[in-house]
Amino acid sequence: MESPVKKKRTGGKGGRPKAPIKRDRHLTVMCNIVEKKMIQGNAKRARTNVSVYLRQLGLNGRVTVKTLPREVLQFTSILNHMAANLNQIAKKRNKGEDLNTLDRALLNQEVRGLQTLVKEVKTYLV
């Protein structure tokens, strides 16, 4: 049996984009265990990691917190999950395979989920 011909990939590799300025230098900060725990706690409260926390504090004298509301993060999570399920179904259909009963039920469930999500977004924005 012959192996399938692989299509040449066009475009980028995907994934996280490269940073314009790479941070590749280390800076060591000496502290005792209590200071370390306090710094880690402060970074956690600022919803960032210790490296970003200390860099912002050292460069700006203060830490700015960039966060999205919990509801927005939940919507994003739900949409990502739905997108993955729909992508699997689309992949099957693009191969010419018919949807089985389970796939059809999953598709209907995703449609209902999207309808519910749209209502929640409208409620949140009003």
PDB file of N, CA and C in Angstrom:
ATOM      1  N   MET A   1       0.832  -1.174   0.000  1.00  0.00           N
ATOM      2  CA  MET A   1       0.000   0.000   0.000  1.00  0.00           C
ATOM      3  C   MET A   1       0.880   1.241   0.000  1.00  0.00           C
ATOM      4  N   GLU A   2       0.523   2.203  -0.827  1.00  0.00           N
ATOM      5  CA  GLU A   2       1.318   3.417  -0.931  1.00  0.00           C
ATOM      6  C   GLU A   2       1.009   4.359   0.224  1.00  0.00           C
ATOM      7  N   SER A   3       2.031   5.107   0.630  1.00  0.00           N
ATOM      8  CA  SER A   3       1.798   6.092   1.690  1.00  0.00           C
ATOM      9  C   SER A   3       1.157   7.333   1.088  1.00  0.00           C
ATOM     10  N   PRO A   4       0.280   7.973   1.828  1.00  0.00           N
ATOM     11  CA  PRO A   4      -0.390   9.156   1.298  1.00  0.00           C
ATOM     12  C   PRO A   4       0.613  10.282   1.056  1.00  0.00           C
ATOM     13  N   VAL A   5       0.340  11.084   0.063  1.00  0.00           N
ATOM     14  CA  VAL A   5       1.209  12.208  -0.271  1.00  0.00           C
ATOM     15  C   VAL A   5       0.926  13.333   0.719  1.00  0.00           C
ATOM     16  N   LYS A   6       1.994  13.832   1.328  1.00  0.00           N
ATOM     17  CA  LYS A   6       1.824  14.909   2.289  1.00  0.00           C
ATOM     18  C   LYS A   6       1.791  16.243   1.553  1.00  0.00           C
ATOM     19  N   LYS A   7       0.857  17.088   1.950  1.00  0.00           N
ATOM     20  CA  LYS A   7       0.754  18.410   1.353  1.00  0.00           C
ATOM     21  C   LYS A   7       1.799  19.317   1.982  1.00  0.00           C
ATOM     22  N   LYS A   8       2.408  20.155   1.151  1.00  0.00           N
ATOM     23  CA  LYS A   8       3.376  21.101   1.665  1.00  0.00           C
ATOM     24  C   LYS A   8       2.631  22.214   2.389  1.00  0.00           C
ATOM     25  N   ARG A   9       3.093  22.528   3.536  1.00  0.00           N
ATOM     26  CA  ARG A   9       2.442  23.522   4.375  1.00  0.00           C
ATOM     27  C   ARG A   9       2.824  24.927   3.908  1.00  0.00           C
ATOM     28  N   THR A  10       1.809  25.782   3.803  1.00  0.00           N
ATOM     29  CA  THR A  10       2.082  27.162   3.428  1.00  0.00           C
ATOM     30  C   THR A  10       1.821  28.061   4.617  1.00  0.00           C
ATOM     31  N   GLY A  11       2.483  29.176   4.668  1.00  0.00           N
ATOM     32  CA  GLY A  11       2.254  30.108   5.767  1.00  0.00           C
ATOM     33  C   GLY A  11       3.146  29.800   6.948  1.00  0.00           C
ATOM     34  N   GLY A  12       2.821  30.379   8.068  1.00  0.00           N
ATOM     35  CA  GLY A  12       3.617  30.233   9.279  1.00  0.00           C
ATOM     36  C   GLY A  12       3.407  28.902   9.961  1.00  0.00           C
ATOM     37  N   LYS A  13       4.223  28.680  10.966  1.00  0.00           N
ATOM     38  CA  LYS A  13       4.133  27.442  11.727  1.00  0.00           C
ATOM     39  C   LYS A  13       3.033  27.493  12.771  1.00  0.00           C
ATOM     40  N   GLY A  14       2.494  28.676  13.020  1.00  0.00           N
ATOM     41  CA  GLY A  14       1.483  28.794  14.055  1.00  0.00           C
ATOM     42  C   GLY A  14       2.133  28.974  15.406  1.00  0.00           C
ATOM     43  N   GLY A  15       1.337  28.916  16.440  1.00  0.00           N
ATOM     44  CA  GLY A  15       1.870  29.063  17.784  1.00  0.00           C
ATOM     45  C   GLY A  15       1.999  30.517  18.186  1.00  0.00           C
ATOM     46  N   ARG A  16       2.670  30.717  19.282  1.00  0.00           N
ATOM     47  CA  ARG A  16       2.839  32.064  19.824  1.00  0.00           C
ATOM     48  C   ARG A  16       3.791  32.867  18.945  1.00  0.00           C
ATOM     49  N   PRO A  17       3.444  34.117  18.624  1.00  0.00           N
ATOM     50  CA  PRO A  17       4.338  34.923  17.797  1.00  0.00           C
ATOM     51  C   PRO A  17       5.618  35.273  18.554  1.00  0.00           C
ATOM     52  N   LYS A  18       6.690  35.477  17.805  1.00  0.00           N
ATOM     53  CA  LYS A  18       7.976  35.834  18.402  1.00  0.00           C
ATOM     54  C   LYS A  18       7.902  37.239  18.981  1.00  0.00           C
ATOM     55  N   ALA A  19       8.560  37.433  20.115  1.00  0.00           N
ATOM     56  CA  ALA A  19       8.605  38.746  20.753  1.00  0.00           C
ATOM     57  C   ALA A  19       9.529  39.654  19.945  1.00  0.00           C
ATOM     58  N   PRO A  20       9.168  40.943  19.794  1.00  0.00           N
ATOM     59  CA  PRO A  20      10.026  41.843  19.020  1.00  0.00           C
ATOM     60  C   PRO A  20      11.397  42.013  19.671  1.00  0.00           C
ATOM     61  N   ILE A  21      11.433  42.045  20.995  1.00  0.00           N
ATOM     62  CA  ILE A  21      12.704  42.122  21.714  1.00  0.00           C
ATOM     63  C   ILE A  21      12.760  40.930  22.660  1.00  0.00           C
ATOM     64  N   LYS A  22      13.687  40.038  22.389  1.00  0.00           N
ATOM     65  CA  LYS A  22      13.783  38.820  23.179  1.00  0.00           C
ATOM     66  C   LYS A  22      14.419  39.111  24.539  1.00  0.00           C
ATOM     67  N   ARG A  23      13.800  38.607  25.579  1.00  0.00           N
ATOM     68  CA  ARG A  23      14.340  38.758  26.928  1.00  0.00           C
ATOM     69  C   ARG A  23      15.152  37.503  27.246  1.00  0.00           C
ATOM     70  N   ASP A  24      16.464  37.629  27.081  1.00  0.00           N
ATOM     71  CA  ASP A  24      17.319  36.458  27.251  1.00  0.00           C
ATOM     72  C   ASP A  24      18.421  36.680  28.294  1.00  0.00           C
ATOM     73  N   ARG A  25      18.292  37.707  29.111  1.00  0.00           N
ATOM     74  CA  ARG A  25      19.283  37.987  30.146  1.00  0.00           C
ATOM     75  C   ARG A  25      18.676  37.724  31.520  1.00  0.00           C
ATOM     76  N   HIS A  26      19.468  37.121  32.374  1.00  0.00           N
ATOM     77  CA  HIS A  26      19.014  36.783  33.723  1.00  0.00           C
ATOM     78  C   HIS A  26      19.492  37.836  34.712  1.00  0.00           C
ATOM     79  N   LEU A  27      18.693  38.080  35.724  1.00  0.00           N
ATOM     80  CA  LEU A  27      19.030  38.979  36.814  1.00  0.00           C
ATOM     81  C   LEU A  27      18.661  38.247  38.100  1.00  0.00           C
ATOM     82  N   THR A  28      19.619  38.085  38.973  1.00  0.00           N
ATOM     83  CA  THR A  28      19.385  37.354  40.207  1.00  0.00           C
ATOM     84  C   THR A  28      19.145  38.334  41.342  1.00  0.00           C
ATOM     85  N   VAL A  29      18.135  38.063  42.125  1.00  0.00           N
ATOM     86  CA  VAL A  29      17.817  38.892  43.285  1.00  0.00           C
ATOM     87  C   VAL A  29      17.966  38.025  44.525  1.00  0.00           C
ATOM     88  N   MET A  30      18.792  38.469  45.431  1.00  0.00           N
ATOM     89  CA  MET A  30      18.987  37.726  46.666  1.00  0.00           C
ATOM     90  C   MET A  30      17.991  38.222  47.709  1.00  0.00           C
ATOM     91  N   CYS A  31      17.355  37.279  48.403  1.00  0.00           N
ATOM     92  CA  CYS A  31      16.416  37.624  49.466  1.00  0.00           C
ATOM     93  C   CYS A  31      16.295  36.436  50.406  1.00  0.00           C
ATOM     94  N   ASN A  32      15.673  36.677  51.534  1.00  0.00           N
ATOM     95  CA  ASN A  32      15.460  35.556  52.448  1.00  0.00           C
ATOM     96  C   ASN A  32      14.125  34.909  52.120  1.00  0.00           C
ATOM     97  N   ILE A  33      13.786  33.842  52.824  1.00  0.00           N
ATOM     98  CA  ILE A  33      12.589  33.060  52.513  1.00  0.00           C
ATOM     99  C   ILE A  33      11.315  33.881  52.727  1.00  0.00           C
ATOM    100  N   VAL A  34      11.291  34.728  53.738  1.00  0.00           N
ATOM    101  CA  VAL A  34      10.103  35.552  54.002  1.00  0.00           C
ATOM    102  C   VAL A  34       9.910  36.562  52.876  1.00  0.00           C
ATOM    103  N   GLU A  35      11.002  37.220  52.468  1.00  0.00           N
ATOM    104  CA  GLU A  35      10.924  38.193  51.367  1.00  0.00           C
ATOM    105  C   GLU A  35      10.484  37.518  50.071  1.00  0.00           C
ATOM    106  N   LYS A  36      11.019  36.323  49.842  1.00  0.00           N
ATOM    107  CA  LYS A  36      10.648  35.584  48.629  1.00  0.00           C
ATOM    108  C   LYS A  36       9.152  35.290  48.618  1.00  0.00           C
ATOM    109  N   LYS A  37       8.630  34.812  49.738  1.00  0.00           N
ATOM    110  CA  LYS A  37       7.199  34.498  49.832  1.00  0.00           C
ATOM    111  C   LYS A  37       6.354  35.763  49.648  1.00  0.00           C
ATOM    112  N   MET A  38       6.812  36.880  50.207  1.00  0.00           N
ATOM    113  CA  MET A  38       6.074  38.139  50.061  1.00  0.00           C
ATOM    114  C   MET A  38       6.059  38.596  48.599  1.00  0.00           C
ATOM    115  N   ILE A  39       7.200  38.501  47.924  1.00  0.00           N
ATOM    116  CA  ILE A  39       7.269  38.888  46.510  1.00  0.00           C
ATOM    117  C   ILE A  39       6.381  37.986  45.668  1.00  0.00           C
ATOM    118  N   GLN A  40       6.437  36.679  45.916  1.00  0.00           N
ATOM    119  CA  GLN A  40       5.586  35.746  45.178  1.00  0.00           C
ATOM    120  C   GLN A  40       4.108  36.028  45.422  1.00  0.00           C
ATOM    121  N   GLY A  41       3.764  36.342  46.670  1.00  0.00           N
ATOM    122  CA  GLY A  41       2.375  36.662  47.005  1.00  0.00           C
ATOM    123  C   GLY A  41       1.910  37.935  46.318  1.00  0.00           C
ATOM    124  N   ASN A  42       2.781  38.953  46.318  1.00  0.00           N
ATOM    125  CA  ASN A  42       2.434  40.209  45.644  1.00  0.00           C
ATOM    126  C   ASN A  42       2.263  40.001  44.141  1.00  0.00           C
ATOM    127  N   ALA A  43       3.118  39.190  43.546  1.00  0.00           N
ATOM    128  CA  ALA A  43       3.006  38.903  42.115  1.00  0.00           C
ATOM    129  C   ALA A  43       1.711  38.162  41.818  1.00  0.00           C
ATOM    130  N   LYS A  44       1.362  37.236  42.695  1.00  0.00           N
ATOM    131  CA  LYS A  44       0.122  36.474  42.510  1.00  0.00           C
ATOM    132  C   LYS A  44      -1.099  37.383  42.617  1.00  0.00           C
ATOM    133  N   ARG A  45      -1.087  38.304  43.585  1.00  0.00           N
ATOM    134  CA  ARG A  45      -2.202  39.248  43.729  1.00  0.00           C
ATOM    135  C   ARG A  45      -2.302  40.172  42.512  1.00  0.00           C
ATOM    136  N   ALA A  46      -1.158  40.464  41.893  1.00  0.00           N
ATOM    137  CA  ALA A  46      -1.144  41.299  40.690  1.00  0.00           C
ATOM    138  C   ALA A  46      -1.475  40.472  39.444  1.00  0.00           C
ATOM    139  N   ARG A  47      -1.727  39.180  39.647  1.00  0.00           N
ATOM    140  CA  ARG A  47      -2.081  38.242  38.569  1.00  0.00           C
ATOM    141  C   ARG A  47      -1.013  38.194  37.475  1.00  0.00           C
ATOM    142  N   THR A  48       0.220  38.059  37.923  1.00  0.00           N
ATOM    143  CA  THR A  48       1.337  37.934  36.991  1.00  0.00           C
ATOM    144  C   THR A  48       2.392  37.031  37.632  1.00  0.00           C
ATOM    145  N   ASN A  49       3.455  36.765  36.905  1.00  0.00           N
ATOM    146  CA  ASN A  49       4.519  35.950  37.496  1.00  0.00           C
ATOM    147  C   ASN A  49       5.573  36.857  38.121  1.00  0.00           C
ATOM    148  N   VAL A  50       6.475  36.273  38.879  1.00  0.00           N
ATOM    149  CA  VAL A  50       7.470  37.047  39.627  1.00  0.00           C
ATOM    150  C   VAL A  50       8.356  37.848  38.679  1.00  0.00           C
ATOM    151  N   SER A  51       8.749  37.271  37.575  1.00  0.00           N
ATOM    152  CA  SER A  51       9.627  37.950  36.629  1.00  0.00           C
ATOM    153  C   SER A  51       8.998  39.240  36.095  1.00  0.00           C
ATOM    154  N   VAL A  52       7.756  39.139  35.640  1.00  0.00           N
ATOM    155  CA  VAL A  52       7.057  40.315  35.106  1.00  0.00           C
ATOM    156  C   VAL A  52       6.824  41.327  36.221  1.00  0.00           C
ATOM    157  N   TYR A  53       6.445  40.841  37.392  1.00  0.00           N
ATOM    158  CA  TYR A  53       6.183  41.714  38.542  1.00  0.00           C
ATOM    159  C   TYR A  53       7.423  42.544  38.884  1.00  0.00           C
ATOM    160  N   LEU A  54       8.561  41.881  39.054  1.00  0.00           N
ATOM    161  CA  LEU A  54       9.788  42.592  39.422  1.00  0.00           C
ATOM    162  C   LEU A  54      10.275  43.508  38.302  1.00  0.00           C
ATOM    163  N   ARG A  55      10.125  43.083  37.039  1.00  0.00           N
ATOM    164  CA  ARG A  55      10.542  43.922  35.913  1.00  0.00           C
ATOM    165  C   ARG A  55       9.732  45.216  35.880  1.00  0.00           C
ATOM    166  N   GLN A  56       8.403  45.099  36.011  1.00  0.00           N
ATOM    167  CA  GLN A  56       7.555  46.294  36.001  1.00  0.00           C
ATOM    168  C   GLN A  56       7.863  47.195  37.185  1.00  0.00           C
ATOM    169  N   LEU A  57       8.050  46.597  38.344  1.00  0.00           N
ATOM    170  CA  LEU A  57       8.345  47.371  39.545  1.00  0.00           C
ATOM    171  C   LEU A  57       9.685  48.096  39.398  1.00  0.00           C
ATOM    172  N   GLY A  58      10.673  47.415  38.854  1.00  0.00           N
ATOM    173  CA  GLY A  58      11.991  48.021  38.686  1.00  0.00           C
ATOM    174  C   GLY A  58      12.036  49.088  37.604  1.00  0.00           C
ATOM    175  N   LEU A  59      11.292  48.907  36.536  1.00  0.00           N
ATOM    176  CA  LEU A  59      11.321  49.869  35.427  1.00  0.00           C
ATOM    177  C   LEU A  59      10.352  51.033  35.628  1.00  0.00           C
ATOM    178  N   ASN A  60       9.192  50.765  36.201  1.00  0.00           N
ATOM    179  CA  ASN A  60       8.148  51.782  36.297  1.00  0.00           C
ATOM    180  C   ASN A  60       7.903  52.282  37.711  1.00  0.00           C
ATOM    181  N   GLY A  61       8.409  51.577  38.701  1.00  0.00           N
ATOM    182  CA  GLY A  61       8.149  51.956  40.080  1.00  0.00           C
ATOM    183  C   GLY A  61       6.781  51.495  40.570  1.00  0.00           C
ATOM    184  N   ARG A  62       6.000  50.872  39.699  1.00  0.00           N
ATOM    185  CA  ARG A  62       4.685  50.348  40.065  1.00  0.00           C
ATOM    186  C   ARG A  62       4.346  49.198  39.119  1.00  0.00           C
ATOM    187  N   VAL A  63       3.351  48.443  39.514  1.00  0.00           N
ATOM    188  CA  VAL A  63       2.939  47.298  38.715  1.00  0.00           C
ATOM    189  C   VAL A  63       1.549  47.573  38.159  1.00  0.00           C
ATOM    190  N   THR A  64       1.404  47.486  36.848  1.00  0.00           N
ATOM    191  CA  THR A  64       0.088  47.639  36.234  1.00  0.00           C
ATOM    192  C   THR A  64      -0.479  46.259  35.972  1.00  0.00           C
ATOM    193  N   VAL A  65      -1.729  46.079  36.346  1.00  0.00           N
ATOM    194  CA  VAL A  65      -2.377  44.780  36.208  1.00  0.00           C
ATOM    195  C   VAL A  65      -3.296  44.822  34.994  1.00  0.00           C
ATOM    196  N   LYS A  66      -3.040  43.931  34.056  1.00  0.00           N
ATOM    197  CA  LYS A  66      -3.892  43.806  32.877  1.00  0.00           C
ATOM    198  C   LYS A  66      -4.677  42.515  33.008  1.00  0.00           C
ATOM    199  N   THR A  67      -5.954  42.649  33.295  1.00  0.00           N
ATOM    200  CA  THR A  67      -6.773  41.448  33.444  1.00  0.00           C
ATOM    201  C   THR A  67      -8.091  41.633  32.718  1.00  0.00           C
ATOM    202  N   LEU A  68      -8.608  40.538  32.293  1.00  0.00           N
ATOM    203  CA  LEU A  68      -9.934  40.523  31.699  1.00  0.00           C
ATOM    204  C   LEU A  68     -10.925  40.072  32.761  1.00  0.00           C
ATOM    205  N   PRO A  69     -12.150  40.543  32.678  1.00  0.00           N
ATOM    206  CA  PRO A  69     -13.153  40.077  33.634  1.00  0.00           C
ATOM    207  C   PRO A  69     -13.324  38.556  33.558  1.00  0.00           C
ATOM    208  N   ARG A  70     -13.663  37.949  34.673  1.00  0.00           N
ATOM    209  CA  ARG A  70     -13.833  36.501  34.760  1.00  0.00           C
ATOM    210  C   ARG A  70     -14.825  35.998  33.712  1.00  0.00           C
ATOM    211  N   GLU A  71     -15.901  36.754  33.489  1.00  0.00           N
ATOM    212  CA  GLU A  71     -16.915  36.337  32.515  1.00  0.00           C
ATOM    213  C   GLU A  71     -16.331  36.250  31.112  1.00  0.00           C
ATOM    214  N   VAL A  72     -15.466  37.199  30.765  1.00  0.00           N
ATOM    215  CA  VAL A  72     -14.845  37.181  29.435  1.00  0.00           C
ATOM    216  C   VAL A  72     -13.944  35.955  29.293  1.00  0.00           C
ATOM    217  N   LEU A  73     -13.200  35.634  30.337  1.00  0.00           N
ATOM    218  CA  LEU A  73     -12.340  34.452  30.303  1.00  0.00           C
ATOM    219  C   LEU A  73     -13.162  33.176  30.181  1.00  0.00           C
ATOM    220  N   GLN A  74     -14.317  33.135  30.861  1.00  0.00           N
ATOM    221  CA  GLN A  74     -15.191  31.963  30.756  1.00  0.00           C
ATOM    222  C   GLN A  74     -15.754  31.838  29.343  1.00  0.00           C
ATOM    223  N   PHE A  75     -16.165  32.970  28.752  1.00  0.00           N
ATOM    224  CA  PHE A  75     -16.678  32.943  27.377  1.00  0.00           C
ATOM    225  C   PHE A  75     -15.608  32.438  26.425  1.00  0.00           C
ATOM    226  N   THR A  76     -14.382  32.921  26.601  1.00  0.00           N
ATOM    227  CA  THR A  76     -13.280  32.494  25.738  1.00  0.00           C
ATOM    228  C   THR A  76     -13.040  30.998  25.865  1.00  0.00           C
ATOM    229  N   SER A  77     -13.069  30.493  27.082  1.00  0.00           N
ATOM    230  CA  SER A  77     -12.863  29.068  27.316  1.00  0.00           C
ATOM    231  C   SER A  77     -13.948  28.239  26.634  1.00  0.00           C
ATOM    232  N   ILE A  78     -15.197  28.659  26.791  1.00  0.00           N
ATOM    233  CA  ILE A  78     -16.315  27.932  26.175  1.00  0.00           C
ATOM    234  C   ILE A  78     -16.200  27.958  24.658  1.00  0.00           C
ATOM    235  N   LEU A  79     -15.875  29.123  24.110  1.00  0.00           N
ATOM    236  CA  LEU A  79     -15.743  29.237  22.644  1.00  0.00           C
ATOM    237  C   LEU A  79     -14.607  28.361  22.115  1.00  0.00           C
ATOM    238  N   ASN A  80     -13.489  28.311  22.832  1.00  0.00           N
ATOM    239  CA  ASN A  80     -12.374  27.461  22.403  1.00  0.00           C
ATOM    240  C   ASN A  80     -12.777  25.994  22.397  1.00  0.00           C
ATOM    241  N   HIS A  81     -13.509  25.576  23.416  1.00  0.00           N
ATOM    242  CA  HIS A  81     -13.972  24.188  23.503  1.00  0.00           C
ATOM    243  C   HIS A  81     -14.914  23.867  22.337  1.00  0.00           C
ATOM    244  N   MET A  82     -15.853  24.777  22.080  1.00  0.00           N
ATOM    245  CA  MET A  82     -16.799  24.564  20.979  1.00  0.00           C
ATOM    246  C   MET A  82     -16.079  24.539  19.637  1.00  0.00           C
ATOM    247  N   ALA A  83     -15.115  25.429  19.476  1.00  0.00           N
ATOM    248  CA  ALA A  83     -14.363  25.478  18.219  1.00  0.00           C
ATOM    249  C   ALA A  83     -13.624  24.166  17.968  1.00  0.00           C
ATOM    250  N   ALA A  84     -13.071  23.581  19.010  1.00  0.00           N
ATOM    251  CA  ALA A  84     -12.363  22.310  18.860  1.00  0.00           C
ATOM    252  C   ALA A  84     -13.326  21.206  18.425  1.00  0.00           C
ATOM    253  N   ASN A  85     -14.508  21.165  19.046  1.00  0.00           N
ATOM    254  CA  ASN A  85     -15.494  20.152  18.669  1.00  0.00           C
ATOM    255  C   ASN A  85     -15.970  20.343  17.231  1.00  0.00           C
ATOM    256  N   LEU A  86     -16.278  21.566  16.860  1.00  0.00           N
ATOM    257  CA  LEU A  86     -16.735  21.840  15.496  1.00  0.00           C
ATOM    258  C   LEU A  86     -15.638  21.531  14.473  1.00  0.00           C
ATOM    259  N   ASN A  87     -14.389  21.787  14.844  1.00  0.00           N
ATOM    260  CA  ASN A  87     -13.272  21.496  13.949  1.00  0.00           C
ATOM    261  C   ASN A  87     -13.165  19.994  13.689  1.00  0.00           C
ATOM    262  N   GLN A  88     -13.379  19.181  14.706  1.00  0.00           N
ATOM    263  CA  GLN A  88     -13.332  17.728  14.527  1.00  0.00           C
ATOM    264  C   GLN A  88     -14.438  17.259  13.587  1.00  0.00           C
ATOM    265  N   ILE A  89     -15.627  17.837  13.752  1.00  0.00           N
ATOM    266  CA  ILE A  89     -16.745  17.464  12.881  1.00  0.00           C
ATOM    267  C   ILE A  89     -16.468  17.909  11.445  1.00  0.00           C
ATOM    268  N   ALA A  90     -15.955  19.122  11.280  1.00  0.00           N
ATOM    269  CA  ALA A  90     -15.642  19.633   9.941  1.00  0.00           C
ATOM    270  C   ALA A  90     -14.565  18.781   9.276  1.00  0.00           C
ATOM    271  N   LYS A  91     -13.596  18.329  10.046  1.00  0.00           N
ATOM    272  CA  LYS A  91     -12.529  17.483   9.500  1.00  0.00           C
ATOM    273  C   LYS A  91     -13.120  16.187   8.934  1.00  0.00           C
ATOM    274  N   LYS A  92     -14.055  15.594   9.665  1.00  0.00           N
ATOM    275  CA  LYS A  92     -14.720  14.376   9.182  1.00  0.00           C
ATOM    276  C   LYS A  92     -15.464  14.643   7.881  1.00  0.00           C
ATOM    277  N   ARG A  93     -16.219  15.736   7.875  1.00  0.00           N
ATOM    278  CA  ARG A  93     -17.017  16.068   6.688  1.00  0.00           C
ATOM    279  C   ARG A  93     -16.124  16.367   5.493  1.00  0.00           C
ATOM    280  N   ASN A  94     -15.009  17.025   5.733  1.00  0.00           N
ATOM    281  CA  ASN A  94     -14.100  17.346   4.634  1.00  0.00           C
ATOM    282  C   ASN A  94     -13.428  16.100   4.060  1.00  0.00           C
ATOM    283  N   LYS A  95     -13.333  15.050   4.850  1.00  0.00           N
ATOM    284  CA  LYS A  95     -12.800  13.779   4.361  1.00  0.00           C
ATOM    285  C   LYS A  95     -13.860  13.012   3.588  1.00  0.00           C
ATOM    286  N   GLY A  96     -15.094  13.492   3.614  1.00  0.00           N
ATOM    287  CA  GLY A  96     -16.176  12.820   2.911  1.00  0.00           C
ATOM    288  C   GLY A  96     -16.913  11.811   3.770  1.00  0.00           C
ATOM    289  N   GLU A  97     -16.595  11.765   5.054  1.00  0.00           N
ATOM    290  CA  GLU A  97     -17.266  10.828   5.953  1.00  0.00           C
ATOM    291  C   GLU A  97     -18.606  11.411   6.396  1.00  0.00           C
ATOM    292  N   ASP A  98     -19.587  10.552   6.547  1.00  0.00           N
ATOM    293  CA  ASP A  98     -20.880  10.981   7.051  1.00  0.00           C
ATOM    294  C   ASP A  98     -20.827  11.101   8.560  1.00  0.00           C
ATOM    295  N   LEU A  99     -21.667  11.977   9.082  1.00  0.00           N
ATOM    296  CA  LEU A  99     -21.745  12.130  10.534  1.00  0.00           C
ATOM    297  C   LEU A  99     -22.584  10.996  11.114  1.00  0.00           C
ATOM    298  N   ASN A 100     -22.078  10.383  12.152  1.00  0.00           N
ATOM    299  CA  ASN A 100     -22.865   9.359  12.824  1.00  0.00           C
ATOM    300  C   ASN A 100     -23.816  10.026  13.819  1.00  0.00           C
ATOM    301  N   THR A 101     -24.611   9.240  14.494  1.00  0.00           N
ATOM    302  CA  THR A 101     -25.612   9.772  15.422  1.00  0.00           C
ATOM    303  C   THR A 101     -24.962  10.583  16.533  1.00  0.00           C
ATOM    304  N   LEU A 102     -23.841  10.099  17.050  1.00  0.00           N
ATOM    305  CA  LEU A 102     -23.139  10.803  18.119  1.00  0.00           C
ATOM    306  C   LEU A 102     -22.638  12.166  17.633  1.00  0.00           C
ATOM    307  N   ASP A 103     -22.066  12.199  16.428  1.00  0.00           N
ATOM    308  CA  ASP A 103     -21.579  13.466  15.876  1.00  0.00           C
ATOM    309  C   ASP A 103     -22.716  14.457  15.673  1.00  0.00           C
ATOM    310  N   ARG A 104     -23.847  13.966  15.190  1.00  0.00           N
ATOM    311  CA  ARG A 104     -25.003  14.851  14.984  1.00  0.00           C
ATOM    312  C   ARG A 104     -25.507  15.408  16.320  1.00  0.00           C
ATOM    313  N   ALA A 105     -25.521  14.562  17.342  1.00  0.00           N
ATOM    314  CA  ALA A 105     -25.955  15.009  18.669  1.00  0.00           C
ATOM    315  C   ALA A 105     -24.984  16.061  19.214  1.00  0.00           C
ATOM    316  N   LEU A 106     -23.684  15.821  19.008  1.00  0.00           N
ATOM    317  CA  LEU A 106     -22.671  16.774  19.456  1.00  0.00           C
ATOM    318  C   LEU A 106     -22.826  18.111  18.730  1.00  0.00           C
ATOM    319  N   LEU A 107     -23.080  18.038  17.438  1.00  0.00           N
ATOM    320  CA  LEU A 107     -23.276  19.258  16.646  1.00  0.00           C
ATOM    321  C   LEU A 107     -24.497  20.027  17.153  1.00  0.00           C
ATOM    322  N   ASN A 108     -25.595  19.339  17.399  1.00  0.00           N
ATOM    323  CA  ASN A 108     -26.795  20.000  17.930  1.00  0.00           C
ATOM    324  C   ASN A 108     -26.530  20.607  19.310  1.00  0.00           C
ATOM    325  N   GLN A 109     -25.781  19.900  20.123  1.00  0.00           N
ATOM    326  CA  GLN A 109     -25.439  20.402  21.453  1.00  0.00           C
ATOM    327  C   GLN A 109     -24.602  21.679  21.338  1.00  0.00           C
ATOM    328  N   GLU A 110     -23.656  21.697  20.413  1.00  0.00           N
ATOM    329  CA  GLU A 110     -22.806  22.877  20.234  1.00  0.00           C
ATOM    330  C   GLU A 110     -23.624  24.066  19.738  1.00  0.00           C
ATOM    331  N   VAL A 111     -24.574  23.821  18.850  1.00  0.00           N
ATOM    332  CA  VAL A 111     -25.438  24.894  18.356  1.00  0.00           C
ATOM    333  C   VAL A 111     -26.244  25.488  19.506  1.00  0.00           C
ATOM    334  N   ARG A 112     -26.827  24.615  20.334  1.00  0.00           N
ATOM    335  CA  ARG A 112     -27.577  25.106  21.497  1.00  0.00           C
ATOM    336  C   ARG A 112     -26.669  25.858  22.460  1.00  0.00           C
ATOM    337  N   GLY A 113     -25.460  25.359  22.624  1.00  0.00           N
ATOM    338  CA  GLY A 113     -24.502  26.036  23.498  1.00  0.00           C
ATOM    339  C   GLY A 113     -24.145  27.422  22.981  1.00  0.00           C
ATOM    340  N   LEU A 114     -23.970  27.535  21.674  1.00  0.00           N
ATOM    341  CA  LEU A 114     -23.682  28.842  21.087  1.00  0.00           C
ATOM    342  C   LEU A 114     -24.851  29.800  21.265  1.00  0.00           C
ATOM    343  N   GLN A 115     -26.066  29.303  21.101  1.00  0.00           N
ATOM    344  CA  GLN A 115     -27.244  30.144  21.291  1.00  0.00           C
ATOM    345  C   GLN A 115     -27.318  30.649  22.734  1.00  0.00           C
ATOM    346  N   THR A 116     -27.037  29.772  23.687  1.00  0.00           N
ATOM    347  CA  THR A 116     -27.032  30.164  25.097  1.00  0.00           C
ATOM    348  C   THR A 116     -25.939  31.190  25.361  1.00  0.00           C
ATOM    349  N   LEU A 117     -24.770  30.952  24.779  1.00  0.00           N
ATOM    350  CA  LEU A 117     -23.653  31.865  24.976  1.00  0.00           C
ATOM    351  C   LEU A 117     -23.960  33.251  24.422  1.00  0.00           C
ATOM    352  N   VAL A 118     -24.613  33.310  23.275  1.00  0.00           N
ATOM    353  CA  VAL A 118     -24.988  34.603  22.688  1.00  0.00           C
ATOM    354  C   VAL A 118     -25.924  35.351  23.628  1.00  0.00           C
ATOM    355  N   LYS A 119     -26.872  34.643  24.220  1.00  0.00           N
ATOM    356  CA  LYS A 119     -27.802  35.277  25.167  1.00  0.00           C
ATOM    357  C   LYS A 119     -27.042  35.799  26.383  1.00  0.00           C
ATOM    358  N   GLU A 120     -26.087  35.026  26.896  1.00  0.00           N
ATOM    359  CA  GLU A 120     -25.308  35.443  28.061  1.00  0.00           C
ATOM    360  C   GLU A 120     -24.464  36.677  27.750  1.00  0.00           C
ATOM    361  N   VAL A 121     -23.886  36.707  26.559  1.00  0.00           N
ATOM    362  CA  VAL A 121     -23.072  37.860  26.165  1.00  0.00           C
ATOM    363  C   VAL A 121     -23.946  39.106  26.094  1.00  0.00           C
ATOM    364  N   LYS A 122     -25.124  38.973  25.485  1.00  0.00           N
ATOM    365  CA  LYS A 122     -26.040  40.107  25.381  1.00  0.00           C
ATOM    366  C   LYS A 122     -26.450  40.580  26.774  1.00  0.00           C
ATOM    367  N   THR A 123     -26.727  39.656  27.683  1.00  0.00           N
ATOM    368  CA  THR A 123     -27.107  40.014  29.046  1.00  0.00           C
ATOM    369  C   THR A 123     -25.941  40.730  29.757  1.00  0.00           C
ATOM    370  N   TYR A 124     -24.747  40.239  29.548  1.00  0.00           N
ATOM    371  CA  TYR A 124     -23.553  40.821  30.190  1.00  0.00           C
ATOM    372  C   TYR A 124     -23.304  42.238  29.681  1.00  0.00           C
ATOM    373  N   LEU A 125     -23.512  42.466  28.386  1.00  0.00           N
ATOM    374  CA  LEU A 125     -23.214  43.768  27.790  1.00  0.00           C
ATOM    375  C   LEU A 125     -24.300  44.806  28.051  1.00  0.00           C
ATOM    376  N   VAL A 126     -25.501  44.367  28.402  1.00  0.00           N
ATOM    377  CA  VAL A 126     -26.605  45.321  28.622  1.00  0.00           C
ATOM    378  C   VAL A 126     -26.577  45.872  30.021  1.00  0.00           C
TER     379      VAL A 126
END
